[in-house]
PDB file of N, CA and C in Angstrom:
ATOM      1  N   UNK A   1      32.939-212.100 -93.382  1.00  0.00           N
ATOM      2  CA  UNK A   1      32.909-211.426 -94.519  1.00  0.00           C
ATOM      3  C   UNK A   1      34.227-210.524 -94.909  1.00  0.00           C
ATOM      4  N   UNK A   2      35.301-211.401 -96.011  1.00  0.00           N
ATOM      5  CA  UNK A   2      36.430-210.829 -96.272  1.00  0.00           C
ATOM      6  C   UNK A   2      36.359-209.509 -96.506  1.00  0.00           C
ATOM      7  N   UNK A   3      37.884-208.894 -96.011  1.00  0.00           N
ATOM      8  CA  UNK A   3      37.306-207.183 -95.867  1.00  0.00           C
ATOM      9  C   UNK A   3      37.042-206.540 -97.387  1.00  0.00           C
ATOM     10  N   UNK A   4      37.743-207.428 -98.497  1.00  0.00           N
ATOM     11  CA  UNK A   4      37.803-206.594 -99.872  1.00  0.00           C
ATOM     12  C   UNK A   4      35.917-207.156-100.018  1.00  0.00           C
ATOM     13  N   UNK A   5      35.674-207.821-100.043  1.00  0.00           N
ATOM     14  CA  UNK A   5      33.985-208.388-100.267  1.00  0.00           C
ATOM     15  C   UNK A   5      33.389-207.112 -99.513  1.00  0.00           C
ATOM     16  N   UNK A   6      33.212-206.744 -98.155  1.00  0.00           N
ATOM     17  CA  UNK A   6      33.307-205.861 -97.738  1.00  0.00           C
ATOM     18  C   UNK A   6      32.649-204.152 -98.153  1.00  0.00           C
ATOM     19  N   UNK A   7      34.292-204.170 -98.557  1.00  0.00           N
ATOM     20  CA  UNK A   7      34.563-202.843 -99.302  1.00  0.00           C
ATOM     21  C   UNK A   7      33.579-203.038-100.855  1.00  0.00           C
ATOM     22  N   UNK A   8      34.059-203.949-101.260  1.00  0.00           N
ATOM     23  CA  UNK A   8      33.048-203.829-102.484  1.00  0.00           C
ATOM     24  C   UNK A   8      31.808-203.755-102.376  1.00  0.00           C
ATOM     25  N   UNK A   9      30.667-204.519-101.639  1.00  0.00           N
ATOM     26  CA  UNK A   9      29.698-204.099-101.189  1.00  0.00           C
ATOM     27  C   UNK A   9      29.190-202.834-101.052  1.00  0.00           C
ATOM     28  N   UNK A  10      30.208-201.991 -99.993  1.00  0.00           N
ATOM     29  CA  UNK A  10      29.837-200.777 -99.528  1.00  0.00           C
ATOM     30  C   UNK A  10      30.139-199.846-100.774  1.00  0.00           C
ATOM     31  N   UNK A  11      30.921-200.053-101.520  1.00  0.00           N
ATOM     32  CA  UNK A  11      31.099-199.370-102.876  1.00  0.00           C
ATOM     33  C   UNK A  11      29.802-199.654-103.821  1.00  0.00           C
ATOM     34  N   UNK A  12      29.185-200.610-104.288  1.00  0.00           N
ATOM     35  CA  UNK A  12      28.621-200.884-105.068  1.00  0.00           C
ATOM     36  C   UNK A  12      26.911-200.462-104.468  1.00  0.00           C
ATOM     37  N   UNK A  13      27.033-200.460-102.931  1.00  0.00           N
ATOM     38  CA  UNK A  13      25.407-199.494-102.416  1.00  0.00           C
ATOM     39  C   UNK A  13      25.726-198.192-102.737  1.00  0.00           C
ATOM     40  N   UNK A  14      27.014-197.671-102.042  1.00  0.00           N
ATOM     41  CA  UNK A  14      27.415-196.128-102.829  1.00  0.00           C
ATOM     42  C   UNK A  14      27.326-195.514-104.175  1.00  0.00           C
ATOM     43  N   UNK A  15      27.985-196.700-104.899  1.00  0.00           N
ATOM     44  CA  UNK A  15      27.668-196.204-106.677  1.00  0.00           C
ATOM     45  C   UNK A  15      26.005-196.401-107.341  1.00  0.00           C
ATOM     46  N   UNK A  16      24.944-197.349-106.461  1.00  0.00           N
ATOM     47  CA  UNK A  16      23.942-197.216-106.530  1.00  0.00           C
ATOM     48  C   UNK A  16      23.109-196.198-106.103  1.00  0.00           C
ATOM     49  N   UNK A  17      23.545-195.405-104.872  1.00  0.00           N
ATOM     50  CA  UNK A  17      22.890-194.643-104.181  1.00  0.00           C
ATOM     51  C   UNK A  17      23.024-192.935-105.307  1.00  0.00           C
ATOM     52  N   UNK A  18      24.567-193.035-105.624  1.00  0.00           N
ATOM     53  CA  UNK A  18      24.827-191.878-106.801  1.00  0.00           C
ATOM     54  C   UNK A  18      24.064-192.184-107.835  1.00  0.00           C
ATOM     55  N   UNK A  19      24.053-193.379-108.460  1.00  0.00           N
ATOM     56  CA  UNK A  19      23.568-193.495-110.171  1.00  0.00           C
ATOM     57  C   UNK A  19      21.624-192.969-110.017  1.00  0.00           C
ATOM     58  N   UNK A  20      20.873-193.530-108.657  1.00  0.00           N
ATOM     59  CA  UNK A  20      19.730-192.834-108.828  1.00  0.00           C
ATOM     60  C   UNK A  20      19.508-191.355-108.238  1.00  0.00           C
ATOM     61  N   UNK A  21      20.702-190.721-107.732  1.00  0.00           N
ATOM     62  CA  UNK A  21      20.733-189.403-107.177  1.00  0.00           C
ATOM     63  C   UNK A  21      20.789-188.507-109.106  1.00  0.00           C
ATOM     64  N   UNK A  22      21.530-189.345-109.512  1.00  0.00           N
ATOM     65  CA  UNK A  22      22.171-188.422-111.091  1.00  0.00           C
ATOM     66  C   UNK A  22      20.343-188.958-112.269  1.00  0.00           C
ATOM     67  N   UNK A  23      19.191-190.203-111.104  1.00  0.00           N
ATOM     68  CA  UNK A  23      18.727-190.193-112.519  1.00  0.00           C
ATOM     69  C   UNK A  23      18.397-191.165-113.061  1.00  0.00           C
ATOM     70  N   UNK A  24      19.380-192.042-112.684  1.00  0.00           N
ATOM     71  CA  UNK A  24      19.311-193.519-113.476  1.00  0.00           C
ATOM     72  C   UNK A  24      18.074-194.510-113.177  1.00  0.00           C
ATOM     73  N   UNK A  25      17.663-195.497-113.883  1.00  0.00           N
ATOM     74  CA  UNK A  25      16.170-195.963-113.239  1.00  0.00           C
ATOM     75  C   UNK A  25      16.964-197.554-113.391  1.00  0.00           C
ATOM     76  N   UNK A  26      17.222-198.000-111.618  1.00  0.00           N
ATOM     77  CA  UNK A  26      18.214-199.093-111.345  1.00  0.00           C
ATOM     78  C   UNK A  26      17.061-200.175-112.243  1.00  0.00           C
ATOM     79  N   UNK A  27      17.292-201.162-113.110  1.00  0.00           N
ATOM     80  CA  UNK A  27      16.778-202.252-113.530  1.00  0.00           C
ATOM     81  C   UNK A  27      17.210-203.996-112.902  1.00  0.00           C
ATOM     82  N   UNK A  28      18.362-203.559-112.414  1.00  0.00           N
ATOM     83  CA  UNK A  28      19.013-205.472-112.026  1.00  0.00           C
ATOM     84  C   UNK A  28      20.444-204.944-111.427  1.00  0.00           C
ATOM     85  N   UNK A  29      20.633-205.564-109.955  1.00  0.00           N
ATOM     86  CA  UNK A  29      21.656-205.670-109.290  1.00  0.00           C
ATOM     87  C   UNK A  29      22.376-207.099-109.730  1.00  0.00           C
ATOM     88  N   UNK A  30      23.895-206.978-109.922  1.00  0.00           N
ATOM     89  CA  UNK A  30      24.632-208.216-110.007  1.00  0.00           C
ATOM     90  C   UNK A  30      23.732-209.309-110.816  1.00  0.00           C
ATOM     91  N   UNK A  31      23.397-208.709-112.050  1.00  0.00           N
ATOM     92  CA  UNK A  31      22.989-209.662-113.136  1.00  0.00           C
ATOM     93  C   UNK A  31      24.260-210.702-113.210  1.00  0.00           C
ATOM     94  N   UNK A  32      23.718-212.066-113.538  1.00  0.00           N
ATOM     95  CA  UNK A  32      24.594-212.923-113.848  1.00  0.00           C
ATOM     96  C   UNK A  32      24.485-213.534-115.101  1.00  0.00           C
ATOM     97  N   UNK A  33      25.620-213.836-115.877  1.00  0.00           N
ATOM     98  CA  UNK A  33      25.777-214.446-116.985  1.00  0.00           C
ATOM     99  C   UNK A  33      26.470-215.788-116.726  1.00  0.00           C
ATOM    100  N   UNK A  34      27.081-216.763-117.890  1.00  0.00           N
ATOM    101  CA  UNK A  34      27.600-217.816-117.585  1.00  0.00           C
ATOM    102  C   UNK A  34      29.004-217.526-116.700  1.00  0.00           C
ATOM    103  N   UNK A  35      29.484-216.903-117.436  1.00  0.00           N
ATOM    104  CA  UNK A  35      30.987-216.583-116.954  1.00  0.00           C
ATOM    105  C   UNK A  35      31.460-214.935-116.052  1.00  0.00           C
ATOM    106  N   UNK A  36      30.643-214.238-116.133  1.00  0.00           N
ATOM    107  CA  UNK A  36      30.751-213.429-115.652  1.00  0.00           C
ATOM    108  C   UNK A  36      29.480-212.619-114.768  1.00  0.00           C
ATOM    109  N   UNK A  37      29.738-211.093-114.028  1.00  0.00           N
ATOM    110  CA  UNK A  37      28.651-210.603-113.597  1.00  0.00           C
ATOM    111  C   UNK A  37      28.252-208.974-114.034  1.00  0.00           C
ATOM    112  N   UNK A  38      26.795-208.870-114.148  1.00  0.00           N
ATOM    113  CA  UNK A  38      27.190-207.249-114.543  1.00  0.00           C
ATOM    114  C   UNK A  38      26.478-206.414-113.131  1.00  0.00           C
ATOM    115  N   UNK A  39      27.437-205.743-112.326  1.00  0.00           N
ATOM    116  CA  UNK A  39      27.212-205.001-111.328  1.00  0.00           C
ATOM    117  C   UNK A  39      25.605-204.559-111.289  1.00  0.00           C
ATOM    118  N   UNK A  40      25.605-203.830-112.059  1.00  0.00           N
ATOM    119  CA  UNK A  40      24.260-202.783-112.258  1.00  0.00           C
ATOM    120  C   UNK A  40      24.022-202.619-113.528  1.00  0.00           C
ATOM    121  N   UNK A  41      22.577-203.029-114.097  1.00  0.00           N
ATOM    122  CA  UNK A  41      21.955-202.321-115.006  1.00  0.00           C
ATOM    123  C   UNK A  41      20.590-201.857-115.151  1.00  0.00           C
ATOM    124  N   UNK A  42      21.263-200.394-115.806  1.00  0.00           N
ATOM    125  CA  UNK A  42      20.211-199.379-115.553  1.00  0.00           C
ATOM    126  C   UNK A  42      19.341-199.048-117.066  1.00  0.00           C
ATOM    127  N   UNK A  43      18.441-197.765-116.387  1.00  0.00           N
ATOM    128  CA  UNK A  43      18.464-197.155-117.699  1.00  0.00           C
ATOM    129  C   UNK A  43      18.327-195.682-117.228  1.00  0.00           C
ATOM    130  N   UNK A  44      19.260-195.106-118.418  1.00  0.00           N
ATOM    131  CA  UNK A  44      19.372-193.321-118.326  1.00  0.00           C
ATOM    132  C   UNK A  44      18.671-192.676-119.340  1.00  0.00           C
ATOM    133  N   UNK A  45      17.504-192.240-119.358  1.00  0.00           N
ATOM    134  CA  UNK A  45      16.653-192.088-120.248  1.00  0.00           C
ATOM    135  C   UNK A  45      16.352-193.185-121.085  1.00  0.00           C
ATOM    136  N   UNK A  46      16.324-193.065-122.359  1.00  0.00           N
ATOM    137  CA  UNK A  46      16.071-194.347-123.349  1.00  0.00           C
ATOM    138  C   UNK A  46      17.315-195.475-123.470  1.00  0.00           C
ATOM    139  N   UNK A  47      18.372-194.823-122.903  1.00  0.00           N
ATOM    140  CA  UNK A  47      19.740-195.806-123.086  1.00  0.00           C
ATOM    141  C   UNK A  47      20.012-196.824-122.065  1.00  0.00           C
ATOM    142  N   UNK A  48      20.102-197.989-122.522  1.00  0.00           N
ATOM    143  CA  UNK A  48      20.540-199.290-121.408  1.00  0.00           C
ATOM    144  C   UNK A  48      21.518-199.135-121.078  1.00  0.00           C
ATOM    145  N   UNK A  49      22.345-199.172-119.737  1.00  0.00           N
ATOM    146  CA  UNK A  49      23.378-198.736-119.224  1.00  0.00           C
ATOM    147  C   UNK A  49      24.007-200.023-118.574  1.00  0.00           C
ATOM    148  N   UNK A  50      25.163-200.651-118.889  1.00  0.00           N
ATOM    149  CA  UNK A  50      25.578-201.705-118.186  1.00  0.00           C
ATOM    150  C   UNK A  50      26.754-200.864-116.978  1.00  0.00           C
ATOM    151  N   UNK A  51      26.585-201.379-115.783  1.00  0.00           N
ATOM    152  CA  UNK A  51      27.553-200.300-115.176  1.00  0.00           C
ATOM    153  C   UNK A  51      28.419-200.943-114.273  1.00  0.00           C
ATOM    154  N   UNK A  52      30.052-200.783-114.169  1.00  0.00           N
ATOM    155  CA  UNK A  52      30.961-201.697-113.587  1.00  0.00           C
ATOM    156  C   UNK A  52      31.172-200.945-112.503  1.00  0.00           C
ATOM    157  N   UNK A  53      31.281-201.190-111.149  1.00  0.00           N
ATOM    158  CA  UNK A  53      31.563-200.644-110.176  1.00  0.00           C
ATOM    159  C   UNK A  53      32.828-200.968-109.533  1.00  0.00           C
ATOM    160  N   UNK A  54      33.987-200.107-109.456  1.00  0.00           N
ATOM    161  CA  UNK A  54      35.395-200.247-108.742  1.00  0.00           C
ATOM    162  C   UNK A  54      35.750-199.541-107.461  1.00  0.00           C
ATOM    163  N   UNK A  55      35.748-200.404-106.558  1.00  0.00           N
ATOM    164  CA  UNK A  55      35.797-199.305-105.426  1.00  0.00           C
ATOM    165  C   UNK A  55      37.485-199.955-105.025  1.00  0.00           C
ATOM    166  N   UNK A  56      38.279-198.613-104.513  1.00  0.00           N
ATOM    167  CA  UNK A  56      39.595-199.034-104.317  1.00  0.00           C
ATOM    168  C   UNK A  56      39.816-197.998-102.705  1.00  0.00           C
ATOM    169  N   UNK A  57      40.430-198.604-101.959  1.00  0.00           N
ATOM    170  CA  UNK A  57      41.378-197.985-100.787  1.00  0.00           C
ATOM    171  C   UNK A  57      42.164-197.187-101.094  1.00  0.00           C
ATOM    172  N   UNK A  58      42.994-197.251-101.954  1.00  0.00           N
ATOM    173  CA  UNK A  58      44.067-196.327-102.260  1.00  0.00           C
ATOM    174  C   UNK A  58      44.103-196.516-103.856  1.00  0.00           C
ATOM    175  N   UNK A  59      45.000-195.321-104.577  1.00  0.00           N
ATOM    176  CA  UNK A  59      45.594-195.165-106.040  1.00  0.00           C
ATOM    177  C   UNK A  59      46.693-196.088-106.072  1.00  0.00           C
ATOM    178  N   UNK A  60      47.300-196.021-105.044  1.00  0.00           N
ATOM    179  CA  UNK A  60      48.879-196.957-105.101  1.00  0.00           C
ATOM    180  C   UNK A  60      49.347-198.118-106.479  1.00  0.00           C
ATOM    181  N   UNK A  61      48.161-198.486-106.732  1.00  0.00           N
ATOM    182  CA  UNK A  61      48.343-199.846-107.682  1.00  0.00           C
ATOM    183  C   UNK A  61      47.052-199.311-109.094  1.00  0.00           C
ATOM    184  N   UNK A  62      46.979-197.781-108.934  1.00  0.00           N
ATOM    185  CA  UNK A  62      45.966-197.218-110.175  1.00  0.00           C
ATOM    186  C   UNK A  62      44.592-196.505-109.875  1.00  0.00           C
ATOM    187  N   UNK A  63      43.929-195.993-110.851  1.00  0.00           N
ATOM    188  CA  UNK A  63      42.877-195.460-110.435  1.00  0.00           C
ATOM    189  C   UNK A  63      41.649-196.913-110.126  1.00  0.00           C
ATOM    190  N   UNK A  64      40.626-197.027-109.556  1.00  0.00           N
ATOM    191  CA  UNK A  64      39.889-197.611-109.734  1.00  0.00           C
ATOM    192  C   UNK A  64      39.062-198.606-111.293  1.00  0.00           C
ATOM    193  N   UNK A  65      39.187-197.526-112.434  1.00  0.00           N
ATOM    194  CA  UNK A  65      38.669-197.637-113.467  1.00  0.00           C
ATOM    195  C   UNK A  65      39.666-198.211-113.794  1.00  0.00           C
ATOM    196  N   UNK A  66      40.897-198.121-113.656  1.00  0.00           N
ATOM    197  CA  UNK A  66      42.056-198.780-114.133  1.00  0.00           C
ATOM    198  C   UNK A  66      42.150-200.307-114.314  1.00  0.00           C
ATOM    199  N   UNK A  67      41.226-200.622-113.470  1.00  0.00           N
ATOM    200  CA  UNK A  67      41.150-201.821-113.166  1.00  0.00           C
ATOM    201  C   UNK A  67      40.108-202.712-114.292  1.00  0.00           C
ATOM    202  N   UNK A  68      39.702-201.793-114.780  1.00  0.00           N
ATOM    203  CA  UNK A  68      38.344-202.810-115.861  1.00  0.00           C
ATOM    204  C   UNK A  68      39.498-202.689-117.328  1.00  0.00           C
ATOM    205  N   UNK A  69      40.405-203.810-117.257  1.00  0.00           N
ATOM    206  CA  UNK A  69      41.095-203.879-118.372  1.00  0.00           C
ATOM    207  C   UNK A  69      40.397-204.565-119.523  1.00  0.00           C
ATOM    208  N   UNK A  70      40.943-204.659-120.605  1.00  0.00           N
ATOM    209  CA  UNK A  70      40.653-205.180-121.822  1.00  0.00           C
ATOM    210  C   UNK A  70      39.976-206.381-121.910  1.00  0.00           C
ATOM    211  N   UNK A  71      40.618-207.490-120.923  1.00  0.00           N
ATOM    212  CA  UNK A  71      39.912-208.577-120.672  1.00  0.00           C
ATOM    213  C   UNK A  71      38.466-208.532-119.845  1.00  0.00           C
ATOM    214  N   UNK A  72      38.639-207.673-118.981  1.00  0.00           N
ATOM    215  CA  UNK A  72      37.192-207.575-118.059  1.00  0.00           C
ATOM    216  C   UNK A  72      36.284-207.050-118.890  1.00  0.00           C
ATOM    217  N   UNK A  73      36.645-205.746-120.061  1.00  0.00           N
ATOM    218  CA  UNK A  73      35.874-205.108-120.899  1.00  0.00           C
ATOM    219  C   UNK A  73      34.941-206.461-121.793  1.00  0.00           C
ATOM    220  N   UNK A  74      35.896-207.303-122.118  1.00  0.00           N
ATOM    221  CA  UNK A  74      35.088-208.401-123.066  1.00  0.00           C
ATOM    222  C   UNK A  74      34.301-209.316-122.325  1.00  0.00           C
ATOM    223  N   UNK A  75      34.711-209.715-120.959  1.00  0.00           N
ATOM    224  CA  UNK A  75      33.761-210.329-120.346  1.00  0.00           C
ATOM    225  C   UNK A  75      32.521-209.709-120.067  1.00  0.00           C
ATOM    226  N   UNK A  76      32.414-207.991-120.196  1.00  0.00           N
ATOM    227  CA  UNK A  76      31.360-207.660-119.533  1.00  0.00           C
ATOM    228  C   UNK A  76      30.651-207.247-120.663  1.00  0.00           C
ATOM    229  N   UNK A  77      31.059-207.101-122.167  1.00  0.00           N
ATOM    230  CA  UNK A  77      30.434-207.332-123.470  1.00  0.00           C
ATOM    231  C   UNK A  77      29.902-208.561-123.628  1.00  0.00           C
ATOM    232  N   UNK A  78      30.185-209.846-123.199  1.00  0.00           N
ATOM    233  CA  UNK A  78      29.604-211.105-123.533  1.00  0.00           C
ATOM    234  C   UNK A  78      28.218-211.026-122.439  1.00  0.00           C
ATOM    235  N   UNK A  79      28.456-210.770-121.453  1.00  0.00           N
ATOM    236  CA  UNK A  79      27.422-210.690-120.337  1.00  0.00           C
ATOM    237  C   UNK A  79      26.388-209.911-120.598  1.00  0.00           C
ATOM    238  N   UNK A  80      26.588-208.531-121.501  1.00  0.00           N
ATOM    239  CA  UNK A  80      25.770-207.209-121.894  1.00  0.00           C
ATOM    240  C   UNK A  80      25.278-208.331-123.138  1.00  0.00           C
ATOM    241  N   UNK A  81      25.489-208.647-124.046  1.00  0.00           N
ATOM    242  CA  UNK A  81      25.081-209.622-125.013  1.00  0.00           C
ATOM    243  C   UNK A  81      23.826-210.739-124.503  1.00  0.00           C
ATOM    244  N   UNK A  82      24.345-211.568-123.556  1.00  0.00           N
ATOM    245  CA  UNK A  82      23.238-212.522-122.961  1.00  0.00           C
ATOM    246  C   UNK A  82      22.177-212.019-122.324  1.00  0.00           C
ATOM    247  N   UNK A  83      22.217-210.629-121.411  1.00  0.00           N
ATOM    248  CA  UNK A  83      21.435-210.108-120.945  1.00  0.00           C
ATOM    249  C   UNK A  83      20.298-209.547-122.491  1.00  0.00           C
ATOM    250  N   UNK A  84      20.849-209.015-123.073  1.00  0.00           N
ATOM    251  CA  UNK A  84      20.480-208.383-124.209  1.00  0.00           C
ATOM    252  C   UNK A  84      19.421-209.498-125.106  1.00  0.00           C
ATOM    253  N   UNK A  85      20.084-210.572-124.976  1.00  0.00           N
ATOM    254  CA  UNK A  85      19.341-211.876-125.797  1.00  0.00           C
ATOM    255  C   UNK A  85      18.030-212.089-125.205  1.00  0.00           C
ATOM    256  N   UNK A  86      18.003-211.793-123.625  1.00  0.00           N
ATOM    257  CA  UNK A  86      16.630-212.400-123.184  1.00  0.00           C
ATOM    258  C   UNK A  86      15.823-211.107-122.820  1.00  0.00           C
ATOM    259  N   UNK A  87      16.428-210.113-123.211  1.00  0.00           N
ATOM    260  CA  UNK A  87      15.507-208.602-123.025  1.00  0.00           C
ATOM    261  C   UNK A  87      14.925-208.007-124.405  1.00  0.00           C
ATOM    262  N   UNK A  88      13.779-207.472-123.631  1.00  0.00           N
ATOM    263  CA  UNK A  88      12.829-206.769-124.796  1.00  0.00           C
ATOM    264  C   UNK A  88      13.722-205.505-125.505  1.00  0.00           C
ATOM    265  N   UNK A  89      14.767-204.811-125.180  1.00  0.00           N
ATOM    266  CA  UNK A  89      14.937-203.505-125.166  1.00  0.00           C
ATOM    267  C   UNK A  89      16.039-203.564-126.504  1.00  0.00           C
ATOM    268  N   UNK A  90      15.778-202.740-127.682  1.00  0.00           N
ATOM    269  CA  UNK A  90      16.570-202.855-128.883  1.00  0.00           C
ATOM    270  C   UNK A  90      16.825-201.440-129.424  1.00  0.00           C
ATOM    271  N   UNK A  91      17.267-200.709-127.959  1.00  0.00           N
ATOM    272  CA  UNK A  91      17.590-199.093-128.195  1.00  0.00           C
ATOM    273  C   UNK A  91      18.871-198.993-128.129  1.00  0.00           C
ATOM    274  N   UNK A  92      19.456-197.943-127.602  1.00  0.00           N
ATOM    275  CA  UNK A  92      20.819-197.442-127.544  1.00  0.00           C
ATOM    276  C   UNK A  92      21.469-198.571-126.418  1.00  0.00           C
ATOM    277  N   UNK A  93      22.696-198.672-126.164  1.00  0.00           N
ATOM    278  CA  UNK A  93      23.379-199.606-124.875  1.00  0.00           C
ATOM    279  C   UNK A  93      24.679-198.786-124.924  1.00  0.00           C
ATOM    280  N   UNK A  94      25.055-198.795-123.450  1.00  0.00           N
ATOM    281  CA  UNK A  94      26.357-197.889-122.938  1.00  0.00           C
ATOM    282  C   UNK A  94      26.876-198.837-121.539  1.00  0.00           C
ATOM    283  N   UNK A  95      28.113-198.424-121.743  1.00  0.00           N
ATOM    284  CA  UNK A  95      29.025-199.052-120.633  1.00  0.00           C
ATOM    285  C   UNK A  95      29.422-198.007-119.902  1.00  0.00           C
ATOM    286  N   UNK A  96      29.186-197.762-118.550  1.00  0.00           N
ATOM    287  CA  UNK A  96      29.759-196.856-117.628  1.00  0.00           C
ATOM    288  C   UNK A  96      30.401-197.511-116.311  1.00  0.00           C
ATOM    289  N   UNK A  97      31.445-196.773-115.971  1.00  0.00           N
ATOM    290  CA  UNK A  97      32.324-197.402-114.773  1.00  0.00           C
ATOM    291  C   UNK A  97      31.942-196.131-113.739  1.00  0.00           C
ATOM    292  N   UNK A  98      31.593-196.678-112.200  1.00  0.00           N
ATOM    293  CA  UNK A  98      31.585-195.987-111.335  1.00  0.00           C
ATOM    294  C   UNK A  98      32.513-196.322-110.670  1.00  0.00           C
ATOM    295  N   UNK A  99      33.592-195.672-110.121  1.00  0.00           N
ATOM    296  CA  UNK A  99      34.870-195.435-109.334  1.00  0.00           C
ATOM    297  C   UNK A  99      34.269-195.160-107.889  1.00  0.00           C
ATOM    298  N   UNK A 100      34.883-195.649-107.309  1.00  0.00           N
ATOM    299  CA  UNK A 100      34.416-195.638-105.698  1.00  0.00           C
ATOM    300  C   UNK A 100      36.100-195.455-104.977  1.00  0.00           C
ATOM    301  N   UNK A 101      36.198-194.182-104.414  1.00  0.00           N
ATOM    302  CA  UNK A 101      37.478-194.059-103.396  1.00  0.00           C
ATOM    303  C   UNK A 101      36.995-193.926-102.011  1.00  0.00           C
ATOM    304  N   UNK A 102      37.323-195.426-101.429  1.00  0.00           N
ATOM    305  CA  UNK A 102      36.773-195.841-100.644  1.00  0.00           C
ATOM    306  C   UNK A 102      37.833-194.955 -98.955  1.00  0.00           C
ATOM    307  N   UNK A 103      38.705-194.400 -99.218  1.00  0.00           N
ATOM    308  CA  UNK A 103      39.278-193.324 -98.532  1.00  0.00           C
ATOM    309  C   UNK A 103      38.641-191.869 -98.224  1.00  0.00           C
ATOM    310  N   UNK A 104      38.116-191.477 -99.157  1.00  0.00           N
ATOM    311  CA  UNK A 104      37.596-190.057 -99.632  1.00  0.00           C
ATOM    312  C   UNK A 104      35.992-190.315 -99.587  1.00  0.00           C
ATOM    313  N   UNK A 105      35.636-191.138 -99.957  1.00  0.00           N
ATOM    314  CA  UNK A 105      33.987-191.559-100.029  1.00  0.00           C
ATOM    315  C   UNK A 105      33.892-190.865-101.645  1.00  0.00           C
ATOM    316  N   UNK A 106      34.757-190.039-102.130  1.00  0.00           N
ATOM    317  CA  UNK A 106      34.189-189.949-103.858  1.00  0.00           C
ATOM    318  C   UNK A 106      34.043-190.544-104.480  1.00  0.00           C
ATOM    319  N   UNK A 107      32.753-190.579-105.175  1.00  0.00           N
ATOM    320  CA  UNK A 107      32.447-191.231-106.632  1.00  0.00           C
ATOM    321  C   UNK A 107      32.488-190.304-108.000  1.00  0.00           C
ATOM    322  N   UNK A 108      33.152-191.138-108.444  1.00  0.00           N
ATOM    323  CA  UNK A 108      33.487-190.616-110.233  1.00  0.00           C
ATOM    324  C   UNK A 108      32.955-191.479-111.061  1.00  0.00           C
ATOM    325  N   UNK A 109      31.629-190.911-111.863  1.00  0.00           N
ATOM    326  CA  UNK A 109      30.816-191.695-112.935  1.00  0.00           C
ATOM    327  C   UNK A 109      31.368-191.511-114.346  1.00  0.00           C
ATOM    328  N   UNK A 110      31.934-192.508-115.031  1.00  0.00           N
ATOM    329  CA  UNK A 110      32.633-192.583-116.304  1.00  0.00           C
ATOM    330  C   UNK A 110      31.464-192.827-117.357  1.00  0.00           C
ATOM    331  N   UNK A 111      31.040-192.165-117.873  1.00  0.00           N
ATOM    332  CA  UNK A 111      30.108-192.731-118.776  1.00  0.00           C
ATOM    333  C   UNK A 111      30.703-193.111-120.491  1.00  0.00           C
ATOM    334  N   UNK A 112      29.883-193.957-120.873  1.00  0.00           N
ATOM    335  CA  UNK A 112      30.663-194.239-122.255  1.00  0.00           C
ATOM    336  C   UNK A 112      32.485-194.830-122.088  1.00  0.00           C
ATOM    337  N   UNK A 113      32.231-195.408-121.203  1.00  0.00           N
ATOM    338  CA  UNK A 113      33.630-195.782-120.381  1.00  0.00           C
ATOM    339  C   UNK A 113      34.632-196.380-121.740  1.00  0.00           C
ATOM    340  N   UNK A 114      33.577-197.539-122.165  1.00  0.00           N
ATOM    341  CA  UNK A 114      34.566-198.605-123.195  1.00  0.00           C
ATOM    342  C   UNK A 114      32.823-199.293-124.288  1.00  0.00           C
ATOM    343  N   UNK A 115      33.496-199.192-125.637  1.00  0.00           N
ATOM    344  CA  UNK A 115      32.438-199.547-126.369  1.00  0.00           C
ATOM    345  C   UNK A 115      32.378-201.271-126.599  1.00  0.00           C
ATOM    346  N   UNK A 116      31.385-201.762-127.252  1.00  0.00           N
ATOM    347  CA  UNK A 116      31.282-203.178-127.640  1.00  0.00           C
ATOM    348  C   UNK A 116      31.795-203.416-128.573  1.00  0.00           C
ATOM    349  N   UNK A 117      32.346-202.416-129.750  1.00  0.00           N
ATOM    350  CA  UNK A 117      32.384-203.069-131.182  1.00  0.00           C
ATOM    351  C   UNK A 117      33.737-203.307-131.616  1.00  0.00           C
TER     352      UNK A 117
END
């Protein structure tokens, strides 16, 4: 497996562990729609949360969350819309980003990182 894929997988595992520690109930991992994927679908209390995980070895080119640009946000919103179309959930939703810093192991959770409107 390529190094960046291994790093991404490790980052997702760390994010998953962290979210569980924060009380999130994990619903789905790597949920795929036609054109994109949602790393983690979870519930935080009654809110359905779509989580994008970004892992980086360094911040030389920016923080992990800075890689969730407007184009990526649009893809995630489209994927969330597809998920909601086949889901019974009718309550609040939220988009979070989990940044994983591979060199230090630090994890940062950004709730309400962006909105769908």
